[in-house]
């Protein structure tokens, strides 16, 4: 079974999306990125929240629109939702976090399950399922929006695994 990794591009002030889930800020940073390419290469499946799956796309108006990593990845996706959505090739919908994680891990095999979406990342932390967090820190201050993690409760320990430029990967310490 592969690693369950929550990844996100984040502003320096801790936001992964602007107000209302606006992702247009990220368009300025969607050029070649070796860290994003490496993440795409290790990803075997995506576990995605409905708002992220149906939300704003920083690749809007480009050939990468609607595609993970802006065309840099193709594979199975598990979308957590309680709302019916139209069928899509390679996409499985489910309402249960435990079932979604199991389906994504089975689809990924030994490769990484990349968790996308703040609420899904937070749910994985809360359930004690998350193995790692990778953050690509972007040189912008958004001032408001969707935080990487917005939670209360006891601290969650993290240990730096590696750093490549402004990309940081942490292991969740049990």
N, C-alpha and C. Protein backbone atom coordinates (compact mmCIF):
# COMPACT_ATOMS: atom_id res chain seq x y z
N UNK A 1 0.85 -1.17 0.00
CA UNK A 1 0.00 0.00 0.00
C UNK A 1 0.90 1.23 0.00
N UNK A 2 0.56 2.19 -0.86
CA UNK A 2 1.35 3.41 -0.98
C UNK A 2 1.02 4.45 0.07
N UNK A 3 1.74 5.52 0.00
CA UNK A 3 1.62 6.64 0.93
C UNK A 3 0.36 7.45 0.66
N UNK A 4 -0.29 7.92 1.71
CA UNK A 4 -1.41 8.85 1.60
C UNK A 4 -0.85 10.24 1.88
N UNK A 5 -0.78 11.06 0.83
CA UNK A 5 -0.11 12.35 0.85
C UNK A 5 -1.07 13.47 0.50
N UNK A 6 -1.19 14.46 1.38
CA UNK A 6 -1.97 15.67 1.09
C UNK A 6 -1.01 16.67 0.49
N UNK A 7 -1.30 17.14 -0.72
CA UNK A 7 -0.42 18.12 -1.37
C UNK A 7 -1.22 19.35 -1.77
N UNK A 8 -0.52 20.48 -1.77
CA UNK A 8 -1.17 21.73 -2.17
C UNK A 8 -0.12 22.77 -2.52
N UNK A 9 -0.50 23.65 -3.43
CA UNK A 9 0.24 24.89 -3.63
C UNK A 9 -0.35 25.87 -2.62
N UNK A 10 0.50 26.63 -1.95
CA UNK A 10 0.04 27.49 -0.87
C UNK A 10 0.71 28.85 -0.96
N UNK A 11 -0.05 29.90 -0.68
CA UNK A 11 0.53 31.23 -0.57
C UNK A 11 1.40 31.29 0.68
N UNK A 12 2.29 32.24 0.72
CA UNK A 12 3.19 32.36 1.87
C UNK A 12 2.42 32.60 3.17
N UNK A 13 1.22 33.18 3.08
CA UNK A 13 0.43 33.41 4.28
C UNK A 13 -0.55 32.27 4.59
N UNK A 14 -0.38 31.11 3.95
CA UNK A 14 -1.08 29.90 4.36
C UNK A 14 -2.37 29.55 3.67
N UNK A 15 -2.67 30.18 2.52
CA UNK A 15 -3.92 29.90 1.83
C UNK A 15 -3.67 29.06 0.57
N UNK A 16 -4.55 28.06 0.35
CA UNK A 16 -4.44 27.23 -0.85
C UNK A 16 -5.44 27.66 -1.92
N UNK A 17 -6.39 28.48 -1.55
CA UNK A 17 -7.35 29.07 -2.49
C UNK A 17 -7.74 30.43 -1.93
N UNK A 18 -8.13 31.32 -2.81
CA UNK A 18 -8.60 32.63 -2.38
C UNK A 18 -10.03 32.54 -1.89
N UNK A 19 -10.63 33.68 -1.57
CA UNK A 19 -12.02 33.70 -1.11
C UNK A 19 -12.95 33.00 -2.10
N UNK A 20 -13.87 32.21 -1.57
CA UNK A 20 -14.81 31.49 -2.42
C UNK A 20 -14.19 30.37 -3.22
N UNK A 21 -12.97 29.95 -2.86
CA UNK A 21 -12.30 28.88 -3.59
C UNK A 21 -11.59 29.33 -4.85
N UNK A 22 -11.39 30.64 -5.01
CA UNK A 22 -10.74 31.20 -6.20
C UNK A 22 -9.32 30.65 -6.36
N UNK A 23 -9.08 30.02 -7.51
CA UNK A 23 -7.76 29.48 -7.80
C UNK A 23 -7.03 30.26 -8.89
N UNK A 24 -7.61 31.36 -9.34
CA UNK A 24 -6.99 32.13 -10.43
C UNK A 24 -5.62 32.66 -10.05
N UNK A 25 -5.36 32.87 -8.77
CA UNK A 25 -4.05 33.36 -8.32
C UNK A 25 -2.92 32.42 -8.71
N UNK A 26 -3.24 31.13 -8.82
CA UNK A 26 -2.21 30.12 -9.09
C UNK A 26 -1.79 30.09 -10.56
N UNK A 27 -2.60 30.67 -11.44
CA UNK A 27 -2.29 30.64 -12.88
C UNK A 27 -0.91 31.22 -13.18
N UNK A 28 -0.50 32.22 -12.43
CA UNK A 28 0.80 32.85 -12.66
C UNK A 28 1.97 31.91 -12.32
N UNK A 29 1.69 30.80 -11.63
CA UNK A 29 2.75 29.90 -11.17
C UNK A 29 2.63 28.49 -11.76
N UNK A 30 1.91 28.35 -12.87
CA UNK A 30 1.65 27.01 -13.43
C UNK A 30 2.66 26.60 -14.49
N UNK A 31 3.75 27.31 -14.63
CA UNK A 31 4.77 26.94 -15.61
C UNK A 31 5.52 25.69 -15.18
N UNK A 32 6.60 25.38 -15.86
CA UNK A 32 7.39 24.19 -15.50
C UNK A 32 7.80 24.22 -14.02
N UNK A 33 7.61 23.07 -13.37
CA UNK A 33 7.91 22.96 -11.95
C UNK A 33 8.41 21.54 -11.67
N UNK A 34 9.71 21.36 -11.48
CA UNK A 34 10.25 20.02 -11.25
C UNK A 34 9.63 19.31 -10.05
N UNK A 35 9.30 20.06 -8.99
CA UNK A 35 8.69 19.42 -7.82
C UNK A 35 7.30 18.89 -8.16
N UNK A 36 6.51 19.66 -8.91
CA UNK A 36 5.18 19.20 -9.32
C UNK A 36 5.30 18.01 -10.27
N UNK A 37 6.28 18.03 -11.15
CA UNK A 37 6.50 16.90 -12.06
C UNK A 37 6.86 15.63 -11.29
N UNK A 38 7.71 15.77 -10.27
CA UNK A 38 8.09 14.62 -9.45
C UNK A 38 6.88 14.08 -8.69
N UNK A 39 6.06 14.98 -8.17
CA UNK A 39 4.85 14.56 -7.45
C UNK A 39 3.90 13.82 -8.39
N UNK A 40 3.71 14.35 -9.59
CA UNK A 40 2.84 13.68 -10.56
C UNK A 40 3.37 12.28 -10.90
N UNK A 41 4.68 12.14 -11.02
CA UNK A 41 5.27 10.85 -11.38
C UNK A 41 5.08 9.80 -10.29
N UNK A 42 5.03 10.21 -9.04
CA UNK A 42 4.86 9.23 -7.95
C UNK A 42 3.40 8.94 -7.63
N UNK A 43 2.49 9.71 -8.21
CA UNK A 43 1.07 9.59 -7.90
C UNK A 43 0.42 8.46 -8.69
N UNK A 44 -0.25 7.56 -7.97
CA UNK A 44 -0.95 6.46 -8.60
C UNK A 44 -2.45 6.68 -8.67
N UNK A 45 -2.98 7.50 -7.78
CA UNK A 45 -4.41 7.81 -7.75
C UNK A 45 -4.62 9.10 -6.97
N UNK A 46 -5.74 9.75 -7.24
CA UNK A 46 -6.12 10.96 -6.52
C UNK A 46 -7.32 10.66 -5.63
N UNK A 47 -7.31 11.25 -4.44
CA UNK A 47 -8.47 11.26 -3.54
C UNK A 47 -8.84 12.73 -3.43
N UNK A 48 -10.00 13.09 -3.97
CA UNK A 48 -10.34 14.50 -4.18
C UNK A 48 -11.68 14.83 -3.53
N UNK A 49 -11.75 16.01 -2.95
CA UNK A 49 -13.02 16.51 -2.44
C UNK A 49 -13.87 17.04 -3.59
N UNK A 50 -15.19 17.04 -3.39
CA UNK A 50 -16.10 17.49 -4.44
C UNK A 50 -15.86 18.94 -4.82
N UNK A 51 -15.66 19.82 -3.84
CA UNK A 51 -15.43 21.24 -4.17
C UNK A 51 -14.17 21.41 -5.01
N UNK A 52 -13.14 20.67 -4.71
CA UNK A 52 -11.91 20.74 -5.50
C UNK A 52 -12.15 20.18 -6.89
N UNK A 53 -12.84 19.04 -6.97
CA UNK A 53 -13.10 18.39 -8.25
C UNK A 53 -13.94 19.27 -9.17
N UNK A 54 -14.94 19.94 -8.61
CA UNK A 54 -15.86 20.76 -9.40
C UNK A 54 -15.50 22.24 -9.38
N UNK A 55 -14.44 22.60 -8.67
CA UNK A 55 -14.16 24.00 -8.42
C UNK A 55 -13.38 24.73 -9.49
N UNK A 56 -12.92 25.89 -9.09
CA UNK A 56 -12.16 26.79 -9.94
C UNK A 56 -10.88 26.10 -10.42
N UNK A 57 -10.48 26.34 -11.65
CA UNK A 57 -9.34 25.67 -12.26
C UNK A 57 -8.28 26.69 -12.65
N UNK A 58 -7.08 26.60 -12.05
CA UNK A 58 -6.03 27.56 -12.42
C UNK A 58 -5.56 27.40 -13.86
N UNK A 59 -5.92 26.30 -14.50
CA UNK A 59 -5.53 26.06 -15.90
C UNK A 59 -6.63 26.47 -16.88
N UNK A 60 -7.65 27.18 -16.39
CA UNK A 60 -8.77 27.60 -17.24
C UNK A 60 -8.27 28.29 -18.50
N UNK A 61 -8.83 27.90 -19.63
CA UNK A 61 -8.47 28.51 -20.89
C UNK A 61 -7.20 27.97 -21.52
N UNK A 62 -6.62 26.92 -20.91
CA UNK A 62 -5.42 26.30 -21.47
C UNK A 62 -5.72 24.84 -21.79
N UNK A 63 -4.79 24.17 -22.43
CA UNK A 63 -4.99 22.75 -22.75
C UNK A 63 -5.03 21.89 -21.48
N UNK A 64 -4.55 22.41 -20.35
CA UNK A 64 -4.56 21.68 -19.10
C UNK A 64 -5.84 21.81 -18.30
N UNK A 65 -6.80 22.58 -18.81
CA UNK A 65 -8.04 22.80 -18.06
C UNK A 65 -8.75 21.47 -17.77
N UNK A 66 -9.12 21.30 -16.50
CA UNK A 66 -9.86 20.11 -16.10
C UNK A 66 -9.01 18.88 -15.90
N UNK A 67 -7.70 19.01 -16.01
CA UNK A 67 -6.82 17.86 -15.88
C UNK A 67 -5.88 18.05 -14.69
N UNK A 68 -5.64 16.98 -13.96
CA UNK A 68 -4.74 17.04 -12.81
C UNK A 68 -3.34 17.43 -13.25
N UNK A 69 -2.72 18.28 -12.47
CA UNK A 69 -1.38 18.78 -12.76
C UNK A 69 -1.31 19.43 -14.13
N UNK A 70 -2.45 19.97 -14.62
CA UNK A 70 -2.47 20.66 -15.91
C UNK A 70 -2.00 19.80 -17.06
N UNK A 71 -2.46 18.58 -17.12
CA UNK A 71 -2.10 17.57 -18.14
C UNK A 71 -0.87 16.77 -17.75
N UNK A 72 -0.29 17.02 -16.59
CA UNK A 72 0.92 16.31 -16.18
C UNK A 72 0.66 14.95 -15.57
N UNK A 73 -0.62 14.57 -15.43
CA UNK A 73 -0.95 13.29 -14.80
C UNK A 73 -2.28 12.80 -15.34
N UNK A 74 -2.40 11.49 -15.45
CA UNK A 74 -3.65 10.87 -15.85
C UNK A 74 -3.77 9.56 -15.09
N UNK A 75 -4.91 9.30 -14.50
CA UNK A 75 -5.10 8.07 -13.76
C UNK A 75 -6.40 8.09 -13.00
N UNK A 76 -6.59 7.09 -12.14
CA UNK A 76 -7.85 6.97 -11.40
C UNK A 76 -8.01 8.06 -10.34
N UNK A 77 -9.26 8.51 -10.21
CA UNK A 77 -9.60 9.51 -9.20
C UNK A 77 -10.79 9.00 -8.40
N UNK A 78 -10.72 9.21 -7.09
CA UNK A 78 -11.84 8.92 -6.21
C UNK A 78 -12.29 10.26 -5.64
N UNK A 79 -13.55 10.60 -5.88
CA UNK A 79 -14.09 11.88 -5.44
C UNK A 79 -15.06 11.63 -4.30
N UNK A 80 -14.80 12.29 -3.17
CA UNK A 80 -15.69 12.18 -2.01
C UNK A 80 -16.81 13.18 -2.16
N UNK A 81 -18.03 12.66 -2.24
CA UNK A 81 -19.20 13.53 -2.40
C UNK A 81 -20.46 12.81 -1.94
N UNK A 82 -21.39 13.59 -1.46
CA UNK A 82 -22.71 13.06 -1.13
C UNK A 82 -23.73 13.52 -2.17
N UNK A 83 -23.27 14.33 -3.11
CA UNK A 83 -24.15 14.85 -4.16
C UNK A 83 -23.89 14.08 -5.45
N UNK A 84 -24.95 13.71 -6.16
CA UNK A 84 -24.75 13.01 -7.42
C UNK A 84 -24.05 13.91 -8.43
N UNK A 85 -23.09 13.35 -9.14
CA UNK A 85 -22.35 14.07 -10.18
C UNK A 85 -22.40 13.24 -11.46
N UNK A 86 -22.26 13.88 -12.62
CA UNK A 86 -22.26 13.13 -13.88
C UNK A 86 -21.09 12.15 -13.94
N UNK A 87 -21.32 11.00 -14.53
CA UNK A 87 -20.27 10.01 -14.70
C UNK A 87 -19.11 10.62 -15.48
N UNK A 88 -17.90 10.24 -15.09
CA UNK A 88 -16.69 10.72 -15.77
C UNK A 88 -15.71 9.56 -15.86
N UNK A 89 -15.03 9.43 -16.98
CA UNK A 89 -14.07 8.34 -17.19
C UNK A 89 -12.97 8.39 -16.14
N UNK A 90 -12.69 7.25 -15.53
CA UNK A 90 -11.61 7.15 -14.56
C UNK A 90 -11.94 7.71 -13.19
N UNK A 91 -13.20 8.12 -12.97
CA UNK A 91 -13.60 8.74 -11.71
C UNK A 91 -14.61 7.84 -10.99
N UNK A 92 -14.34 7.59 -9.72
CA UNK A 92 -15.26 6.85 -8.85
C UNK A 92 -15.74 7.82 -7.78
N UNK A 93 -17.04 7.82 -7.53
CA UNK A 93 -17.62 8.69 -6.50
C UNK A 93 -18.00 7.85 -5.29
N UNK A 94 -17.74 8.38 -4.10
CA UNK A 94 -18.21 7.71 -2.90
C UNK A 94 -18.39 8.74 -1.79
N UNK A 95 -19.18 8.39 -0.78
CA UNK A 95 -19.51 9.32 0.29
C UNK A 95 -18.69 9.09 1.55
N UNK A 96 -18.04 7.97 1.67
CA UNK A 96 -17.33 7.59 2.89
C UNK A 96 -15.83 7.82 2.75
N UNK A 97 -15.24 8.50 3.74
CA UNK A 97 -13.79 8.71 3.73
C UNK A 97 -13.06 7.37 3.75
N UNK A 98 -13.44 6.48 4.64
CA UNK A 98 -12.77 5.18 4.75
C UNK A 98 -12.84 4.42 3.43
N UNK A 99 -14.03 4.39 2.82
CA UNK A 99 -14.18 3.70 1.53
C UNK A 99 -13.36 4.41 0.45
N UNK A 100 -13.38 5.73 0.44
CA UNK A 100 -12.63 6.49 -0.55
C UNK A 100 -11.13 6.23 -0.46
N UNK A 101 -10.61 6.22 0.76
CA UNK A 101 -9.18 5.94 0.96
C UNK A 101 -8.86 4.53 0.48
N UNK A 102 -9.69 3.55 0.84
CA UNK A 102 -9.46 2.16 0.42
C UNK A 102 -9.49 2.03 -1.10
N UNK A 103 -10.48 2.66 -1.75
CA UNK A 103 -10.56 2.59 -3.22
C UNK A 103 -9.35 3.25 -3.87
N UNK A 104 -8.94 4.42 -3.36
CA UNK A 104 -7.79 5.12 -3.94
C UNK A 104 -6.51 4.33 -3.73
N UNK A 105 -6.33 3.75 -2.54
CA UNK A 105 -5.13 2.97 -2.29
C UNK A 105 -5.09 1.72 -3.16
N UNK A 106 -6.22 1.07 -3.36
CA UNK A 106 -6.26 -0.10 -4.25
C UNK A 106 -5.91 0.31 -5.67
N UNK A 107 -6.43 1.44 -6.12
CA UNK A 107 -6.15 1.91 -7.48
C UNK A 107 -4.70 2.33 -7.64
N UNK A 108 -4.09 2.89 -6.60
CA UNK A 108 -2.71 3.38 -6.68
C UNK A 108 -1.68 2.27 -6.55
N UNK A 109 -2.07 1.15 -5.95
CA UNK A 109 -1.10 0.08 -5.72
C UNK A 109 -0.01 0.55 -4.77
N UNK A 110 1.25 0.41 -5.19
CA UNK A 110 2.38 0.83 -4.36
C UNK A 110 2.70 2.31 -4.52
N UNK A 111 2.03 2.97 -5.45
CA UNK A 111 2.29 4.39 -5.68
C UNK A 111 1.53 5.24 -4.67
N UNK A 112 1.78 6.54 -4.70
CA UNK A 112 1.19 7.48 -3.76
C UNK A 112 -0.26 7.80 -4.11
N UNK A 113 -1.10 7.92 -3.07
CA UNK A 113 -2.43 8.48 -3.22
C UNK A 113 -2.29 9.96 -2.87
N UNK A 114 -2.56 10.80 -3.83
CA UNK A 114 -2.43 12.25 -3.64
C UNK A 114 -3.80 12.80 -3.24
N UNK A 115 -3.88 13.35 -2.04
CA UNK A 115 -5.12 13.92 -1.50
C UNK A 115 -5.18 15.38 -1.92
N UNK A 116 -6.29 15.76 -2.55
CA UNK A 116 -6.49 17.14 -2.99
C UNK A 116 -7.76 17.69 -2.36
N UNK A 117 -7.65 18.86 -1.77
CA UNK A 117 -8.78 19.53 -1.16
C UNK A 117 -8.60 19.67 0.34
N UNK A 118 -8.82 20.89 0.84
CA UNK A 118 -8.59 21.17 2.26
C UNK A 118 -9.45 20.32 3.18
N UNK A 119 -10.73 20.14 2.85
CA UNK A 119 -11.59 19.38 3.75
C UNK A 119 -11.22 17.90 3.77
N UNK A 120 -10.79 17.36 2.65
CA UNK A 120 -10.39 15.95 2.62
C UNK A 120 -9.06 15.77 3.35
N UNK A 121 -8.12 16.69 3.15
CA UNK A 121 -6.87 16.64 3.89
C UNK A 121 -7.11 16.69 5.39
N UNK A 122 -7.98 17.58 5.81
CA UNK A 122 -8.31 17.73 7.23
C UNK A 122 -8.99 16.47 7.76
N UNK A 123 -9.91 15.89 6.98
CA UNK A 123 -10.58 14.65 7.40
C UNK A 123 -9.58 13.51 7.56
N UNK A 124 -8.62 13.43 6.65
CA UNK A 124 -7.59 12.38 6.74
C UNK A 124 -6.74 12.55 7.99
N UNK A 125 -6.39 13.81 8.32
CA UNK A 125 -5.64 14.07 9.55
C UNK A 125 -6.48 13.66 10.75
N UNK A 126 -7.74 14.07 10.78
CA UNK A 126 -8.63 13.77 11.90
C UNK A 126 -8.83 12.28 12.11
N UNK A 127 -8.81 11.52 11.02
CA UNK A 127 -9.00 10.07 11.11
C UNK A 127 -7.68 9.32 11.35
N UNK A 128 -6.58 10.05 11.41
CA UNK A 128 -5.28 9.42 11.62
C UNK A 128 -4.79 8.64 10.42
N UNK A 129 -5.25 8.99 9.21
CA UNK A 129 -4.90 8.24 8.01
C UNK A 129 -3.76 8.85 7.19
N UNK A 130 -3.48 10.12 7.40
CA UNK A 130 -2.53 10.82 6.55
C UNK A 130 -1.09 10.46 6.91
N UNK A 131 -0.29 10.15 5.89
CA UNK A 131 1.12 9.80 6.09
C UNK A 131 2.04 11.01 5.92
N UNK A 132 1.75 11.86 4.91
CA UNK A 132 2.64 12.96 4.59
C UNK A 132 1.87 14.18 4.10
N UNK A 133 2.54 15.33 4.15
CA UNK A 133 2.02 16.59 3.64
C UNK A 133 3.11 17.21 2.78
N UNK A 134 2.75 17.62 1.55
CA UNK A 134 3.69 18.33 0.69
C UNK A 134 3.09 19.68 0.33
N UNK A 135 3.87 20.72 0.55
CA UNK A 135 3.40 22.08 0.29
C UNK A 135 4.39 22.77 -0.64
N UNK A 136 3.86 23.31 -1.73
CA UNK A 136 4.65 24.13 -2.65
C UNK A 136 4.31 25.58 -2.32
N UNK A 137 5.22 26.27 -1.65
CA UNK A 137 4.97 27.63 -1.19
C UNK A 137 5.21 28.60 -2.35
N UNK A 138 4.18 29.37 -2.67
CA UNK A 138 4.23 30.31 -3.78
C UNK A 138 4.50 31.73 -3.26
N UNK A 139 5.22 32.52 -4.05
CA UNK A 139 5.60 33.87 -3.60
C UNK A 139 4.48 34.89 -3.77
N UNK A 140 3.43 34.71 -2.98
CA UNK A 140 2.28 35.62 -3.02
C UNK A 140 1.61 35.61 -1.65
N UNK A 141 1.02 36.74 -1.29
CA UNK A 141 0.22 36.84 -0.07
C UNK A 141 -1.23 37.04 -0.49
N UNK A 142 -2.10 36.06 -0.20
CA UNK A 142 -3.50 36.16 -0.60
C UNK A 142 -4.34 36.94 0.41
N UNK A 143 -3.98 36.88 1.68
CA UNK A 143 -4.70 37.64 2.69
C UNK A 143 -5.97 37.01 3.21
N UNK A 144 -6.60 36.15 2.45
CA UNK A 144 -7.85 35.53 2.87
C UNK A 144 -8.12 34.35 1.94
N UNK A 145 -9.00 33.47 2.39
CA UNK A 145 -9.38 32.34 1.54
C UNK A 145 -9.44 31.04 2.31
N UNK A 146 -9.08 29.96 1.63
CA UNK A 146 -9.11 28.61 2.19
C UNK A 146 -7.72 28.28 2.72
N UNK A 147 -7.62 28.02 4.00
CA UNK A 147 -6.33 27.69 4.61
C UNK A 147 -5.90 26.26 4.28
N UNK A 148 -4.60 26.02 4.31
CA UNK A 148 -4.07 24.68 4.13
C UNK A 148 -4.72 23.73 5.13
N UNK A 149 -4.73 24.10 6.40
CA UNK A 149 -5.44 23.38 7.45
C UNK A 149 -6.11 24.43 8.32
N UNK A 150 -7.37 24.23 8.60
CA UNK A 150 -8.09 25.09 9.53
C UNK A 150 -8.74 24.17 10.54
N UNK A 151 -8.07 24.01 11.68
CA UNK A 151 -8.54 23.03 12.64
C UNK A 151 -8.27 23.50 14.05
N UNK A 152 -9.01 22.92 14.98
CA UNK A 152 -8.73 23.09 16.40
C UNK A 152 -8.42 21.70 16.94
N UNK A 153 -7.92 21.66 18.12
CA UNK A 153 -7.59 20.37 18.71
C UNK A 153 -6.12 20.28 19.01
N UNK A 154 -5.68 19.12 19.44
CA UNK A 154 -4.27 18.95 19.81
C UNK A 154 -3.37 19.10 18.58
N UNK A 155 -2.13 19.49 18.82
CA UNK A 155 -1.18 19.62 17.71
C UNK A 155 -0.96 18.29 16.99
N UNK A 156 -0.68 18.37 15.72
CA UNK A 156 -0.31 17.21 14.91
C UNK A 156 1.17 17.38 14.59
N UNK A 157 1.98 16.44 15.02
CA UNK A 157 3.42 16.53 14.80
C UNK A 157 3.80 16.25 13.36
N UNK A 158 4.73 17.04 12.85
CA UNK A 158 5.26 16.86 11.51
C UNK A 158 6.77 16.85 11.58
N UNK A 159 7.39 16.04 10.72
CA UNK A 159 8.85 15.96 10.65
C UNK A 159 9.26 16.19 9.20
N UNK A 160 10.14 17.15 8.98
CA UNK A 160 10.58 17.47 7.63
C UNK A 160 11.27 16.26 7.00
N UNK A 161 10.74 15.81 5.86
CA UNK A 161 11.35 14.70 5.12
C UNK A 161 12.39 15.22 4.13
N UNK A 162 12.00 16.28 3.40
CA UNK A 162 12.92 16.90 2.46
C UNK A 162 12.41 18.26 2.03
N UNK A 163 13.31 19.01 1.43
CA UNK A 163 12.96 20.33 0.90
C UNK A 163 13.67 20.49 -0.44
N UNK A 164 12.91 20.95 -1.45
CA UNK A 164 13.46 21.28 -2.77
C UNK A 164 12.99 22.69 -3.10
N UNK A 165 13.88 23.66 -2.96
CA UNK A 165 13.47 25.04 -3.15
C UNK A 165 12.41 25.40 -2.14
N UNK A 166 11.25 25.86 -2.63
CA UNK A 166 10.17 26.23 -1.72
C UNK A 166 9.12 25.12 -1.58
N UNK A 167 9.47 23.92 -1.99
CA UNK A 167 8.58 22.77 -1.80
C UNK A 167 9.07 22.00 -0.58
N UNK A 168 8.16 21.78 0.35
CA UNK A 168 8.47 21.11 1.60
C UNK A 168 7.63 19.85 1.74
N UNK A 169 8.25 18.76 2.15
CA UNK A 169 7.49 17.53 2.42
C UNK A 169 7.74 17.12 3.87
N UNK A 170 6.62 16.86 4.55
CA UNK A 170 6.65 16.48 5.96
C UNK A 170 6.02 15.10 6.14
N UNK A 171 6.57 14.34 7.06
CA UNK A 171 5.98 13.08 7.48
C UNK A 171 5.13 13.39 8.71
N UNK A 172 3.91 12.84 8.75
CA UNK A 172 3.05 13.01 9.92
C UNK A 172 3.58 12.08 11.01
N UNK A 173 3.86 12.66 12.18
CA UNK A 173 4.40 11.91 13.29
C UNK A 173 3.24 11.39 14.15
N UNK A 174 3.12 10.06 14.26
CA UNK A 174 1.99 9.50 15.04
C UNK A 174 2.06 9.86 16.52
